[in-house]
Each structure stands twice: as C-alpha cells, then as structure tokens.
Amino acid sequence: MRLVILGGSGSGKNTQAQRLCSHLGITQISTGEILREAISHLSELGRQAQPYMVKGELVPDEMIIELIRLRLKKFDVSDGWVLEGYPRTAFQAEELDFLLDELGQKLDWAIYLQVPEAVMVSRSLGRSLPDDQPEIVQRRVEIFYDRTVPILEYYDRRRRLLTINGDQAPELVLQNILKLLLVT
C-alpha cells in the first residue's frame, strides 16, 4: 500500500505515519527526516534547502522531488510506504503522480488529518523540536492554509482522498484510518 498523509503542523502526521507503517508492515518516508539527513550529511541539496527550513518556509519543489525520487528508488520501500510531509501543494501532488508513474508505482490514498488551527499550534509548541518556535509554527500554519488546502481538492477529484478527524486520541485516529482503508 502506498499512502500520503496530509495535515498541518502538529496534526499528528508523524504519529499516524509511524502507527500505519507498524500496522501495515511498510516503510515511513518523512520529508523532514530526508531534509535533516541531507543537511547533516552536508549534501548539496541539503545545503540549498537549509535556509528555507531555518525560516519555516517550504523548500523549493525541485529540491524536494529530487530527494523523494532518490528515496523511492531504495529497496526498503518495495512493499509499500507512507509519505509524510509531502506533497504540500497541488503542484507537488501532481509532480508526485508523475514521479510515481515514472517509477512504475501508484498512490493508493491521500489521508488528510483534519485538526483545528488552535490544536495544530498548541501541539507544535508542545514539541521540543528546534524549528518549533512560535513565529515559525504560526508561519507554517499560515502556509498550510494558503498552499495546502487545494491539494485536498486535487486528491478528491481523483477519488483518492480520505478525511479523518485528527483531533482525537491517536488510537482512535488510527482505527478510523484503518476502517476507511478496509484493513483490520
């Protein structure tokens, strides 16, 4: 199964991606992790992406899609994956579809974790990640609403969107996702 998990900062994407991967026996692909790894290994793409991340801005599409292309070619994703943190715009969703076509893969579902803005902000501020400062969190939430919401329409038109109430206990969120995926 190949899934993308969508939602604003603090919506529970990482938590649910981990749980889904564990339950389904597939690999989690986190763009945040891919970016942090690229930066820590001082790769060229990492050096180019770092200034955007420091400001809480979206890393340019061509950089991200190239990092994802490299990741999707690795052996550990052959049985399926959950992509977390990408796509974040309708353009990126389309680019991902083109990339998957090129790699002979197909996206099964886009799962949207719907969470109120106030919950996203408070959850993000409750974490202790270096880029979870109040002004950066607020900026990410604004970017989410400005640029990400059209992605929902993109996947909805393709009948690949599952919307889940993400403002409940993580176990319930997972149960609701699995129910919609028709997996037990």
Protein backbone atom coordinates (compact mmCIF):
# COMPACT_ATOMS: atom_id res chain seq x y z
CA MET A 1 0.00 0.00 0.00
CA ARG A 2 1.27 3.48 -0.87
CA LEU A 3 -0.13 6.38 1.12
CA VAL A 4 0.48 10.06 1.65
CA ILE A 5 -0.54 11.61 4.94
CA LEU A 6 -1.62 15.24 4.88
CA GLY A 7 -2.28 17.79 7.58
CA GLY A 8 -0.92 20.95 9.10
CA SER A 9 1.98 21.20 11.52
CA GLY A 10 1.01 19.39 14.72
CA SER A 11 -1.89 17.47 13.12
CA GLY A 12 -0.38 14.10 14.03
CA LYS A 13 1.05 13.16 10.63
CA ASN A 14 4.23 11.66 12.03
CA THR A 15 2.43 9.76 14.81
CA GLN A 16 -0.09 8.26 12.40
CA ALA A 17 2.54 7.53 9.74
CA GLN A 18 4.53 5.55 12.34
CA ARG A 19 1.45 3.66 13.51
CA LEU A 20 0.31 2.87 9.96
CA CYS A 21 3.76 1.64 8.99
CA SER A 22 3.94 -0.56 12.05
CA HIS A 23 0.42 -1.95 11.49
CA LEU A 24 0.80 -2.47 7.73
CA GLY A 25 4.47 -3.52 7.73
CA ILE A 26 5.54 -0.78 5.31
CA THR A 27 8.20 1.97 5.35
CA GLN A 28 7.73 5.53 6.58
CA ILE A 29 9.19 8.23 4.38
CA SER A 30 9.38 11.56 6.19
CA THR A 31 10.44 14.57 4.14
CA GLY A 32 11.51 16.29 7.35
CA GLU A 33 13.84 13.38 8.07
CA ILE A 34 15.09 13.30 4.48
CA LEU A 35 15.85 17.04 4.68
CA ARG A 36 17.51 16.86 8.10
CA GLU A 37 19.63 13.95 6.87
CA ALA A 38 20.62 15.83 3.70
CA ILE A 39 21.63 18.84 5.82
CA SER A 40 23.54 16.80 8.42
CA HIS A 41 25.43 14.91 5.69
CA LEU A 42 26.21 18.27 4.06
CA SER A 43 24.86 17.14 0.71
CA GLU A 44 24.48 19.78 -1.99
CA LEU A 45 20.68 19.53 -1.80
CA GLY A 46 20.88 19.82 1.99
CA ARG A 47 22.96 23.00 1.79
CA GLN A 48 20.47 24.51 -0.65
CA ALA A 49 17.45 23.56 1.49
CA GLN A 50 18.74 24.73 4.87
CA PRO A 51 18.00 28.48 4.53
CA TYR A 52 14.34 27.73 3.75
CA MET A 53 13.95 25.41 6.72
CA VAL A 54 15.50 27.92 9.13
CA LYS A 55 12.82 30.47 8.17
CA GLY A 56 9.95 27.97 8.27
CA GLU A 57 9.43 28.32 4.51
CA LEU A 58 8.69 25.48 2.11
CA VAL A 59 11.78 24.06 0.43
CA PRO A 60 11.53 24.55 -3.38
CA ASP A 61 9.66 21.80 -5.22
CA GLU A 62 12.55 20.71 -7.45
CA MET A 63 14.77 20.04 -4.42
CA ILE A 64 12.13 18.03 -2.57
CA ILE A 65 11.03 15.96 -5.56
CA GLU A 66 14.65 15.04 -6.26
CA LEU A 67 15.15 13.92 -2.65
CA ILE A 68 11.93 11.88 -2.84
CA ARG A 69 12.95 10.37 -6.19
CA LEU A 70 16.20 9.16 -4.59
CA ARG A 71 14.30 7.78 -1.57
CA LEU A 72 11.63 5.94 -3.61
CA LYS A 73 14.35 4.12 -5.56
CA LYS A 74 15.64 2.40 -2.41
CA PHE A 75 14.86 -1.27 -1.83
CA ASP A 76 13.12 -0.90 1.56
CA VAL A 77 10.07 0.77 0.00
CA SER A 78 9.23 -2.01 -2.47
CA ASP A 79 6.41 -3.40 -0.27
CA GLY A 80 4.78 -0.01 0.21
CA TRP A 81 5.23 3.25 2.07
CA VAL A 82 3.64 6.14 3.89
CA LEU A 83 4.92 9.51 2.72
CA GLU A 84 4.69 12.16 5.44
CA GLY A 85 5.34 15.86 4.90
CA TYR A 86 4.93 15.80 1.13
CA PRO A 87 3.12 16.78 -1.01
CA ARG A 88 2.16 20.17 0.44
CA THR A 89 0.71 21.81 -2.65
CA ALA A 90 -1.48 20.67 -5.55
CA PHE A 91 1.51 21.18 -7.87
CA GLN A 92 3.60 18.86 -5.69
CA ALA A 93 0.80 16.28 -5.69
CA GLU A 94 0.82 16.33 -9.47
CA GLU A 95 4.63 16.11 -9.54
CA LEU A 96 4.45 13.13 -7.18
CA ASP A 97 1.97 11.41 -9.50
CA PHE A 98 4.35 11.99 -12.45
CA LEU A 99 7.27 10.62 -10.42
CA LEU A 100 5.28 7.55 -9.35
CA ASP A 101 4.28 6.90 -12.98
CA GLU A 102 7.93 7.14 -13.95
CA LEU A 103 8.89 4.66 -11.19
CA GLY A 104 6.03 2.28 -12.01
CA GLN A 105 4.26 2.92 -8.69
CA LYS A 106 0.74 4.12 -7.87
CA LEU A 107 -0.60 6.07 -4.92
CA ASP A 108 -3.45 4.28 -3.16
CA TRP A 109 -4.76 7.01 -0.84
CA ALA A 110 -4.12 10.51 0.47
CA ILE A 111 -5.14 10.65 4.14
CA TYR A 112 -6.00 14.10 5.48
CA LEU A 113 -5.83 14.58 9.25
CA GLN A 114 -8.27 17.42 9.86
CA VAL A 115 -7.36 19.37 13.00
CA PRO A 116 -8.44 22.88 14.14
CA GLU A 117 -5.79 25.61 13.79
CA ALA A 118 -5.57 26.19 17.57
CA VAL A 119 -4.84 22.49 18.13
CA MET A 120 -2.12 22.49 15.44
CA VAL A 121 -0.40 25.47 17.09
CA SER A 122 -0.62 24.13 20.66
CA ARG A 123 0.59 20.65 19.66
CA SER A 124 3.50 22.09 17.66
CA LEU A 125 4.54 24.34 20.54
CA GLY A 126 4.32 21.35 22.90
CA ARG A 127 7.06 19.54 20.99
CA SER A 128 10.66 20.47 21.61
CA LEU A 129 12.00 20.44 18.08
CA PRO A 130 14.39 23.30 17.24
CA ASP A 131 12.18 24.60 14.42
CA ASP A 132 9.02 24.66 16.60
CA GLN A 133 9.36 28.29 17.73
CA PRO A 134 6.06 30.28 17.99
CA GLU A 135 6.69 32.51 14.96
CA ILE A 136 7.84 29.58 12.81
CA VAL A 137 4.87 27.43 13.89
CA GLN A 138 2.43 30.24 13.10
CA ARG A 139 4.08 30.75 9.71
CA ARG A 140 3.80 27.01 8.91
CA VAL A 141 0.10 27.03 9.82
CA GLU A 142 -0.49 30.05 7.56
CA ILE A 143 1.40 28.38 4.71
CA PHE A 144 -0.63 25.22 5.27
CA TYR A 145 -3.93 27.05 4.80
CA ASP A 146 -2.67 29.15 1.88
CA ARG A 147 -0.97 26.45 -0.15
CA THR A 148 -2.01 23.04 1.06
CA VAL A 149 -5.80 23.14 1.09
CA PRO A 150 -6.02 22.99 -2.78
CA ILE A 151 -4.23 19.64 -2.54
CA LEU A 152 -7.34 18.22 -0.92
CA GLU A 153 -9.36 19.19 -3.98
CA TYR A 154 -6.70 17.58 -6.20
CA TYR A 155 -6.96 14.21 -4.46
CA ASP A 156 -10.72 14.48 -4.01
CA ARG A 157 -11.20 14.93 -7.78
CA ARG A 158 -9.14 11.76 -8.29
CA ARG A 159 -11.23 9.90 -5.67
CA ARG A 160 -8.15 9.20 -3.56
CA LEU A 161 -8.85 11.41 -0.51
CA LEU A 162 -9.75 10.07 2.93
CA THR A 163 -10.55 12.76 5.52
CA ILE A 164 -10.09 11.81 9.17
CA ASN A 165 -10.84 13.77 12.34
CA GLY A 166 -7.32 14.15 13.72
CA ASP A 167 -8.49 15.91 16.90
CA GLN A 168 -8.98 12.76 18.95
CA ALA A 169 -6.87 10.13 20.69
CA PRO A 170 -4.14 8.73 18.39
CA GLU A 171 -5.51 5.18 18.76
CA LEU A 172 -8.95 6.31 17.54
CA VAL A 173 -7.41 8.18 14.62
CA LEU A 174 -5.55 5.01 13.58
CA GLN A 175 -8.71 2.87 13.95
CA ASN A 176 -10.64 5.32 11.76
CA ILE A 177 -7.92 5.30 9.10
CA LEU A 178 -7.73 1.51 9.05
CA LYS A 179 -11.52 1.28 8.82
CA LEU A 180 -11.52 3.55 5.75
CA LEU A 181 -8.62 1.63 4.22
CA LEU A 182 -10.65 -1.56 4.83
CA VAL A 183 -7.72 -3.03 6.78
CA THR A 184 -8.06 -4.78 10.13
